[in-house]
Amino acid sequence: MREEYDFSKGERGKFYKPDAKINLPVYLEAEVLEYFTAKAQAKGIELNVMVNDLLKKDIALIEGVK
C-alpha cells in the first residue's frame, strides 16, 4: 500500500443511494438446508419460496401470541 492516496478528484457520495435495499445472505446449517431442499424439490417449488412461506407462518404465530 502507498503511504498516501490522492482523493482530490474524488466525488463524495457518488455511489450513495439512500433508498437502496440490501439483501443479506442467510446461512443455514447443512442438515437444515438438505432437509428443506428435499422438501422443496418434492413439492416442486423453489427453496426460497418454501423458506419464506415457513417464516411468514412463524411470524403470524408469534404475532398471534402477543
N, C-alpha and C. Protein backbone atom coordinates (compact mmCIF):
# COMPACT_ATOMS: atom_id res chain seq x y z
N MET A 1 0.83 -1.18 0.00
CA MET A 1 0.00 0.00 0.00
C MET A 1 0.87 1.24 0.00
N ARG A 2 0.34 2.26 -0.57
CA ARG A 2 1.06 3.53 -0.58
C ARG A 2 0.96 4.21 0.78
N GLU A 3 1.87 5.12 1.01
CA GLU A 3 1.82 5.92 2.24
C GLU A 3 0.62 6.85 2.21
N GLU A 4 0.33 7.43 1.04
CA GLU A 4 -0.78 8.37 0.89
C GLU A 4 -1.49 8.12 -0.43
N TYR A 5 -2.77 8.44 -0.45
CA TYR A 5 -3.57 8.34 -1.66
C TYR A 5 -4.16 9.72 -1.96
N ASP A 6 -4.27 10.04 -3.25
CA ASP A 6 -4.78 11.34 -3.66
C ASP A 6 -6.28 11.23 -3.96
N PHE A 7 -7.09 11.82 -3.10
CA PHE A 7 -8.54 11.82 -3.31
C PHE A 7 -9.04 13.20 -3.73
N SER A 8 -8.15 14.05 -4.20
CA SER A 8 -8.53 15.42 -4.55
C SER A 8 -9.54 15.47 -5.70
N LYS A 9 -9.56 14.47 -6.55
CA LYS A 9 -10.51 14.45 -7.67
C LYS A 9 -11.69 13.52 -7.38
N GLY A 10 -11.76 13.05 -6.14
CA GLY A 10 -12.86 12.17 -5.76
C GLY A 10 -14.16 12.94 -5.60
N GLU A 11 -15.27 12.24 -5.76
CA GLU A 11 -16.59 12.86 -5.65
C GLU A 11 -17.33 12.21 -4.48
N ARG A 12 -17.61 12.99 -3.46
CA ARG A 12 -18.27 12.47 -2.26
C ARG A 12 -19.71 12.03 -2.60
N GLY A 13 -20.04 10.82 -2.19
CA GLY A 13 -21.40 10.30 -2.35
C GLY A 13 -21.76 9.86 -3.75
N LYS A 14 -20.79 9.66 -4.59
CA LYS A 14 -21.05 9.32 -5.99
C LYS A 14 -21.89 8.06 -6.11
N PHE A 15 -21.66 7.06 -5.28
CA PHE A 15 -22.38 5.80 -5.38
C PHE A 15 -23.40 5.62 -4.27
N TYR A 16 -23.63 6.64 -3.46
CA TYR A 16 -24.58 6.55 -2.34
C TYR A 16 -26.00 6.58 -2.87
N LYS A 17 -26.80 5.63 -2.44
CA LYS A 17 -28.21 5.58 -2.81
C LYS A 17 -29.01 5.36 -1.52
N PRO A 18 -29.67 6.38 -1.02
CA PRO A 18 -30.36 6.26 0.27
C PRO A 18 -31.50 5.26 0.26
N ASP A 19 -32.09 5.00 -0.88
CA ASP A 19 -33.23 4.07 -0.95
C ASP A 19 -32.82 2.66 -1.39
N ALA A 20 -31.53 2.40 -1.42
CA ALA A 20 -31.05 1.08 -1.84
C ALA A 20 -31.42 0.03 -0.79
N LYS A 21 -31.84 -1.13 -1.25
CA LYS A 21 -32.16 -2.24 -0.36
C LYS A 21 -31.03 -3.25 -0.43
N ILE A 22 -30.66 -3.76 0.73
CA ILE A 22 -29.57 -4.73 0.80
C ILE A 22 -30.15 -6.09 1.15
N ASN A 23 -29.84 -7.08 0.36
CA ASN A 23 -30.25 -8.45 0.66
C ASN A 23 -29.06 -9.16 1.30
N LEU A 24 -29.18 -9.38 2.59
CA LEU A 24 -28.11 -10.06 3.31
C LEU A 24 -28.25 -11.57 3.14
N PRO A 25 -27.14 -12.25 2.99
CA PRO A 25 -27.22 -13.71 2.86
C PRO A 25 -27.60 -14.36 4.19
N VAL A 26 -28.35 -15.43 4.09
CA VAL A 26 -28.73 -16.21 5.27
C VAL A 26 -28.10 -17.58 5.09
N TYR A 27 -27.36 -18.02 6.10
CA TYR A 27 -26.67 -19.29 6.02
C TYR A 27 -27.37 -20.31 6.90
N LEU A 28 -27.77 -21.42 6.30
CA LEU A 28 -28.43 -22.49 7.04
C LEU A 28 -27.42 -23.58 7.35
N GLU A 29 -27.67 -24.27 8.45
CA GLU A 29 -26.83 -25.41 8.77
C GLU A 29 -27.04 -26.47 7.69
N ALA A 30 -26.05 -27.29 7.45
CA ALA A 30 -26.07 -28.26 6.35
C ALA A 30 -27.28 -29.17 6.42
N GLU A 31 -27.58 -29.72 7.60
CA GLU A 31 -28.70 -30.65 7.70
C GLU A 31 -30.04 -29.96 7.49
N VAL A 32 -30.15 -28.69 7.89
CA VAL A 32 -31.38 -27.92 7.68
C VAL A 32 -31.56 -27.65 6.19
N LEU A 33 -30.48 -27.25 5.55
CA LEU A 33 -30.52 -26.98 4.11
C LEU A 33 -30.89 -28.23 3.33
N GLU A 34 -30.29 -29.35 3.66
CA GLU A 34 -30.60 -30.61 2.96
C GLU A 34 -32.06 -30.99 3.15
N TYR A 35 -32.57 -30.86 4.36
CA TYR A 35 -33.95 -31.23 4.65
C TYR A 35 -34.92 -30.38 3.82
N PHE A 36 -34.76 -29.06 3.89
CA PHE A 36 -35.69 -28.18 3.19
C PHE A 36 -35.51 -28.23 1.68
N THR A 37 -34.31 -28.48 1.21
CA THR A 37 -34.09 -28.64 -0.23
C THR A 37 -34.85 -29.86 -0.74
N ALA A 38 -34.78 -30.95 -0.01
CA ALA A 38 -35.50 -32.17 -0.40
C ALA A 38 -37.00 -31.94 -0.37
N LYS A 39 -37.50 -31.26 0.65
CA LYS A 39 -38.95 -30.99 0.76
C LYS A 39 -39.41 -30.07 -0.36
N ALA A 40 -38.63 -29.07 -0.68
CA ALA A 40 -39.00 -28.14 -1.75
C ALA A 40 -39.02 -28.86 -3.10
N GLN A 41 -38.03 -29.72 -3.34
CA GLN A 41 -38.00 -30.47 -4.60
C GLN A 41 -39.19 -31.41 -4.70
N ALA A 42 -39.56 -32.04 -3.58
CA ALA A 42 -40.71 -32.96 -3.57
C ALA A 42 -42.00 -32.22 -3.89
N LYS A 43 -42.10 -30.97 -3.45
CA LYS A 43 -43.30 -30.17 -3.72
C LYS A 43 -43.23 -29.45 -5.05
N GLY A 44 -42.06 -29.45 -5.68
CA GLY A 44 -41.90 -28.78 -6.97
C GLY A 44 -41.85 -27.27 -6.87
N ILE A 45 -41.34 -26.76 -5.73
CA ILE A 45 -41.21 -25.32 -5.56
C ILE A 45 -39.76 -24.99 -5.25
N GLU A 46 -39.44 -23.71 -5.38
CA GLU A 46 -38.07 -23.28 -5.09
C GLU A 46 -37.85 -23.21 -3.58
N LEU A 47 -36.63 -23.42 -3.18
CA LEU A 47 -36.26 -23.42 -1.77
C LEU A 47 -36.60 -22.09 -1.10
N ASN A 48 -36.28 -20.98 -1.75
CA ASN A 48 -36.53 -19.68 -1.15
C ASN A 48 -38.02 -19.44 -0.93
N VAL A 49 -38.86 -19.94 -1.82
CA VAL A 49 -40.32 -19.80 -1.66
C VAL A 49 -40.76 -20.57 -0.42
N MET A 50 -40.28 -21.80 -0.26
CA MET A 50 -40.66 -22.60 0.89
C MET A 50 -40.20 -21.97 2.19
N VAL A 51 -38.97 -21.52 2.24
CA VAL A 51 -38.44 -20.93 3.48
C VAL A 51 -39.19 -19.65 3.81
N ASN A 52 -39.47 -18.81 2.83
CA ASN A 52 -40.22 -17.58 3.09
C ASN A 52 -41.62 -17.89 3.59
N ASP A 53 -42.29 -18.87 3.01
CA ASP A 53 -43.62 -19.26 3.48
C ASP A 53 -43.59 -19.74 4.93
N LEU A 54 -42.61 -20.56 5.25
CA LEU A 54 -42.48 -21.05 6.62
C LEU A 54 -42.20 -19.91 7.60
N LEU A 55 -41.35 -19.00 7.22
CA LEU A 55 -41.04 -17.87 8.11
C LEU A 55 -42.25 -16.95 8.29
N LYS A 56 -43.03 -16.75 7.22
CA LYS A 56 -44.25 -15.94 7.34
C LYS A 56 -45.25 -16.59 8.29
N LYS A 57 -45.35 -17.91 8.25
CA LYS A 57 -46.24 -18.63 9.17
C LYS A 57 -45.74 -18.48 10.60
N ASP A 58 -44.43 -18.56 10.79
CA ASP A 58 -43.85 -18.37 12.13
C ASP A 58 -44.12 -16.96 12.64
N ILE A 59 -44.00 -15.98 11.77
CA ILE A 59 -44.27 -14.59 12.17
C ILE A 59 -45.74 -14.46 12.59
N ALA A 60 -46.65 -15.05 11.84
CA ALA A 60 -48.07 -14.99 12.18
C ALA A 60 -48.32 -15.65 13.53
N LEU A 61 -47.66 -16.76 13.80
CA LEU A 61 -47.81 -17.43 15.10
C LEU A 61 -47.29 -16.56 16.23
N ILE A 62 -46.12 -15.98 16.03
CA ILE A 62 -45.53 -15.12 17.06
C ILE A 62 -46.41 -13.91 17.33
N GLU A 63 -46.89 -13.29 16.28
CA GLU A 63 -47.74 -12.11 16.44
C GLU A 63 -49.08 -12.47 17.05
N GLY A 64 -49.58 -13.67 16.81
CA GLY A 64 -50.84 -14.12 17.37
C GLY A 64 -50.77 -14.35 18.86
N VAL A 65 -49.59 -14.65 19.36
CA VAL A 65 -49.39 -14.92 20.79
C VAL A 65 -49.34 -13.62 21.58
N LYS A 66 -48.92 -12.54 20.96
CA LYS A 66 -48.75 -11.24 21.67
C LYS A 66 -50.08 -10.73 22.19
